[in-house]
C-alpha atoms as a PDB file:
ATOM      1  CA  MET A   1     -81.878  48.366 -29.030  1.00  0.00           C
ATOM      2  CA  ALA A   2     -78.813  50.755 -29.544  1.00  0.00           C
ATOM      3  CA  SER A   3     -75.318  50.827 -28.107  1.00  0.00           C
ATOM      4  CA  CYS A   4     -72.260  52.882 -28.448  1.00  0.00           C
ATOM      5  CA  TYR A   5     -68.865  51.704 -29.729  1.00  0.00           C
ATOM      6  CA  PHE A   6     -65.808  53.319 -28.038  1.00  0.00           C
ATOM      7  CA  ASP A   7     -62.698  51.784 -29.452  1.00  0.00           C
ATOM      8  CA  ASN A   8     -59.598  53.982 -29.666  1.00  0.00           C
ATOM      9  CA  LYS A   9     -58.539  54.738 -33.243  1.00  0.00           C
ATOM     10  CA  GLU A  10     -54.774  54.534 -32.541  1.00  0.00           C
ATOM     11  CA  GLU A  11     -55.314  51.087 -31.007  1.00  0.00           C
ATOM     12  CA  LEU A  12     -57.459  49.789 -33.749  1.00  0.00           C
ATOM     13  CA  TYR A  13     -55.175  50.926 -36.618  1.00  0.00           C
ATOM     14  CA  GLN A  14     -51.721  50.812 -35.008  1.00  0.00           C
ATOM     15  CA  ASN A  15     -50.385  47.949 -36.963  1.00  0.00           C
ATOM     16  CA  LEU A  16     -51.796  48.768 -40.430  1.00  0.00           C
ATOM     17  CA  ASP A  17     -48.781  50.607 -41.778  1.00  0.00           C
ATOM     18  CA  SER A  18     -46.135  48.026 -41.587  1.00  0.00           C
ATOM     19  CA  SER A  19     -43.955  49.956 -44.032  1.00  0.00           C
ATOM     20  CA  CYS A  20     -42.845  52.510 -41.390  1.00  0.00           C
ATOM     21  CA  GLU A  21     -39.713  50.865 -39.929  1.00  0.00           C
ATOM     22  CA  SER A  22     -38.491  53.390 -37.424  1.00  0.00           C
ATOM     23  CA  VAL A  23     -35.773  51.407 -35.396  1.00  0.00           C
ATOM     24  CA  ASP A  24     -32.108  51.616 -36.143  1.00  0.00           C
ATOM     25  CA  GLN A  25     -32.350  54.690 -38.390  1.00  0.00           C
ATOM     26  CA  SER A  26     -29.497  55.664 -40.624  1.00  0.00           C
ATOM     27  CA  TYR A  27     -28.718  59.463 -40.955  1.00  0.00           C
ATOM     28  CA  SER A  28     -27.586  59.110 -44.496  1.00  0.00           C
ATOM     29  CA  GLN A  29     -30.375  56.623 -45.745  1.00  0.00           C
ATOM     30  CA  ASP A  30     -33.337  57.490 -43.600  1.00  0.00           C
ATOM     31  CA  ILE A  31     -33.054  60.917 -41.999  1.00  0.00           C
ATOM     32  CA  LEU A  32     -31.162  63.124 -44.626  1.00  0.00           C
ATOM     33  CA  PRO A  33     -33.760  62.234 -47.325  1.00  0.00           C
ATOM     34  CA  ILE A  34     -36.434  63.466 -45.179  1.00  0.00           C
ATOM     35  CA  LEU A  35     -34.788  66.702 -44.368  1.00  0.00           C
ATOM     36  CA  ASN A  36     -33.611  67.281 -47.952  1.00  0.00           C
ATOM     37  CA  THR A  37     -37.152  66.794 -49.335  1.00  0.00           C
ATOM     38  CA  ASN A  38     -38.978  68.744 -46.597  1.00  0.00           C
ATOM     39  CA  CYS A  39     -36.542  71.249 -44.963  1.00  0.00           C
ATOM     40  CA  SER A  40     -33.202  71.954 -46.581  1.00  0.00           C
ATOM     41  CA  TYR A  41     -34.512  73.262 -49.886  1.00  0.00           C
ATOM     42  CA  SER A  42     -34.187  76.703 -51.418  1.00  0.00           C
ATOM     43  CA  ALA A  43     -35.562  79.558 -49.310  1.00  0.00           C
ATOM     44  CA  CYS A  44     -35.608  77.384 -46.090  1.00  0.00           C
ATOM     45  CA  HIS A  45     -32.898  75.573 -44.254  1.00  0.00           C
ATOM     46  CA  ASP A  46     -30.221  75.534 -47.002  1.00  0.00           C
ATOM     47  CA  ALA A  47     -26.744  76.787 -47.111  1.00  0.00           C
ATOM     48  CA  SER A  48     -27.668  80.223 -48.648  1.00  0.00           C
ATOM     49  CA  THR A  49     -30.973  81.021 -46.715  1.00  0.00           C
ATOM     50  CA  LYS A  50     -30.249  79.393 -43.419  1.00  0.00           C
ATOM     51  CA  ALA A  51     -33.762  80.263 -42.103  1.00  0.00           C
ATOM     52  CA  GLY A  52     -33.647  80.633 -38.333  1.00  0.00           C
ATOM     53  CA  GLY A  53     -29.739  80.384 -38.701  1.00  0.00           C
ATOM     54  CA  LEU A  54     -30.021  76.706 -39.481  1.00  0.00           C
ATOM     55  CA  ASP A  55     -28.474  74.957 -42.460  1.00  0.00           C
ATOM     56  CA  LEU A  56     -29.965  71.372 -42.378  1.00  0.00           C
ATOM     57  CA  ASN A  57     -27.642  70.231 -45.120  1.00  0.00           C
ATOM     58  CA  LEU A  58     -24.865  70.079 -42.377  1.00  0.00           C
ATOM     59  CA  TYR A  59     -24.848  67.156 -40.101  1.00  0.00           C
ATOM     60  CA  SER A  60     -23.299  69.307 -37.370  1.00  0.00           C
ATOM     61  CA  GLU A  61     -26.370  71.760 -37.368  1.00  0.00           C
ATOM     62  CA  VAL A  62     -28.788  68.808 -37.520  1.00  0.00           C
ATOM     63  CA  PHE A  63     -27.065  67.230 -34.518  1.00  0.00           C
ATOM     64  CA  ARG A  64     -27.024  70.360 -32.589  1.00  0.00           C
ATOM     65  CA  SER A  65     -30.748  70.856 -33.279  1.00  0.00           C
ATOM     66  CA  ALA A  66     -31.480  67.246 -32.329  1.00  0.00           C
ATOM     67  CA  GLN A  67     -29.659  67.499 -29.124  1.00  0.00           C
ATOM     68  CA  ALA A  68     -31.302  70.716 -28.094  1.00  0.00           C
ATOM     69  CA  GLY A  69     -34.686  69.056 -28.743  1.00  0.00           C
ATOM     70  CA  SER A  70     -35.611  71.762 -31.224  1.00  0.00           C
ATOM     71  CA  LEU A  71     -35.691  69.459 -34.201  1.00  0.00           C
ATOM     72  CA  VAL A  72     -38.321  67.079 -32.833  1.00  0.00           C
ATOM     73  CA  ASN A  73     -40.254  69.791 -31.156  1.00  0.00           C
ATOM     74  CA  ARG A  74     -40.312  71.951 -34.380  1.00  0.00           C
ATOM     75  CA  ILE A  75     -41.628  68.987 -36.630  1.00  0.00           C
ATOM     76  CA  LYS A  76     -44.280  68.172 -33.967  1.00  0.00           C
ATOM     77  CA  GLY A  77     -45.224  71.797 -33.401  1.00  0.00           C
ATOM     78  CA  ILE A  78     -44.448  71.791 -29.845  1.00  0.00           C
ATOM     79  CA  GLY A  79     -43.762  75.260 -28.270  1.00  0.00           C
ATOM     80  CA  ALA A  80     -43.482  76.957 -31.753  1.00  0.00           C
ATOM     81  CA  SER A  81     -44.842  76.854 -35.229  1.00  0.00           C
ATOM     82  CA  GLN A  82     -44.951  73.386 -36.790  1.00  0.00           C
ATOM     83  CA  MET A  83     -42.325  72.699 -39.398  1.00  0.00           C
ATOM     84  CA  PRO A  84     -42.162  72.755 -42.373  1.00  0.00           C
ATOM     85  CA  LEU A  85     -43.675  76.166 -42.330  1.00  0.00           C
ATOM     86  CA  GLY A  86     -46.415  76.821 -45.143  1.00  0.00           C
ATOM     87  CA  ALA A  87     -46.201  73.055 -46.216  1.00  0.00           C
ATOM     88  CA  GLU A  88     -47.831  69.720 -45.428  1.00  0.00           C
ATOM     89  CA  PRO A  89     -46.502  68.439 -41.953  1.00  0.00           C
ATOM     90  CA  LEU A  90     -44.224  65.497 -41.990  1.00  0.00           C
ATOM     91  CA  SER A  91     -46.034  62.211 -41.894  1.00  0.00           C
ATOM     92  CA  ASP A  92     -46.401  60.392 -38.522  1.00  0.00           C
ATOM     93  CA  CYS A  93     -43.836  57.772 -39.850  1.00  0.00           C
ATOM     94  CA  GLN A  94     -41.263  60.520 -40.871  1.00  0.00           C
ATOM     95  CA  ILE A  95     -41.723  62.071 -37.467  1.00  0.00           C
ATOM     96  CA  GLN A  96     -41.333  58.697 -35.639  1.00  0.00           C
ATOM     97  CA  LYS A  97     -38.179  58.067 -37.763  1.00  0.00           C
ATOM     98  CA  ILE A  98     -36.443  61.360 -36.821  1.00  0.00           C
ATOM     99  CA  GLU A  99     -37.542  61.009 -33.251  1.00  0.00           C
ATOM    100  CA  ASN A 100     -36.247  57.431 -32.884  1.00  0.00           C
ATOM    101  CA  TRP A 101     -32.961  58.519 -34.488  1.00  0.00           C
ATOM    102  CA  VAL A 102     -32.548  61.274 -31.940  1.00  0.00           C
ATOM    103  CA  LEU A 103     -33.315  58.942 -29.197  1.00  0.00           C
ATOM    104  CA  GLU A 104     -30.754  56.542 -30.483  1.00  0.00           C
ATOM    105  CA  GLY A 105     -28.107  59.184 -30.230  1.00  0.00           C
ATOM    106  CA  ALA A 106     -28.497  61.078 -33.532  1.00  0.00           C
ATOM    107  CA  LEU A 107     -25.447  59.216 -35.069  1.00  0.00           C
ATOM    108  CA  GLU A 108     -23.964  60.301 -38.305  1.00  0.00           C
ATOM    109  CA  ASN A 109     -24.305  56.906 -39.979  1.00  0.00           C
END
């Protein structure tokens, strides 16, 4: 006798990574380190290069991008190439942290 098993992977494994705390994110402690490591380094979104006209070292530009929806859309690859371009995409946890920070008002905290 044979049968099929159709559980949803996301439902089965949703609670395995308890290390991803994505609520009440701090810009300086949670978001900025992700951006510094993955986005605002030499030849990308730093002060001298400003790829796409965006310096992600500046909170004002991060905030503007967050409010416009382009920050989350670009790191998720919605409507344009997924960022960071030519590198590993951000982890699901990193994306969730940024997305929740934006939803919580993208505060400079």
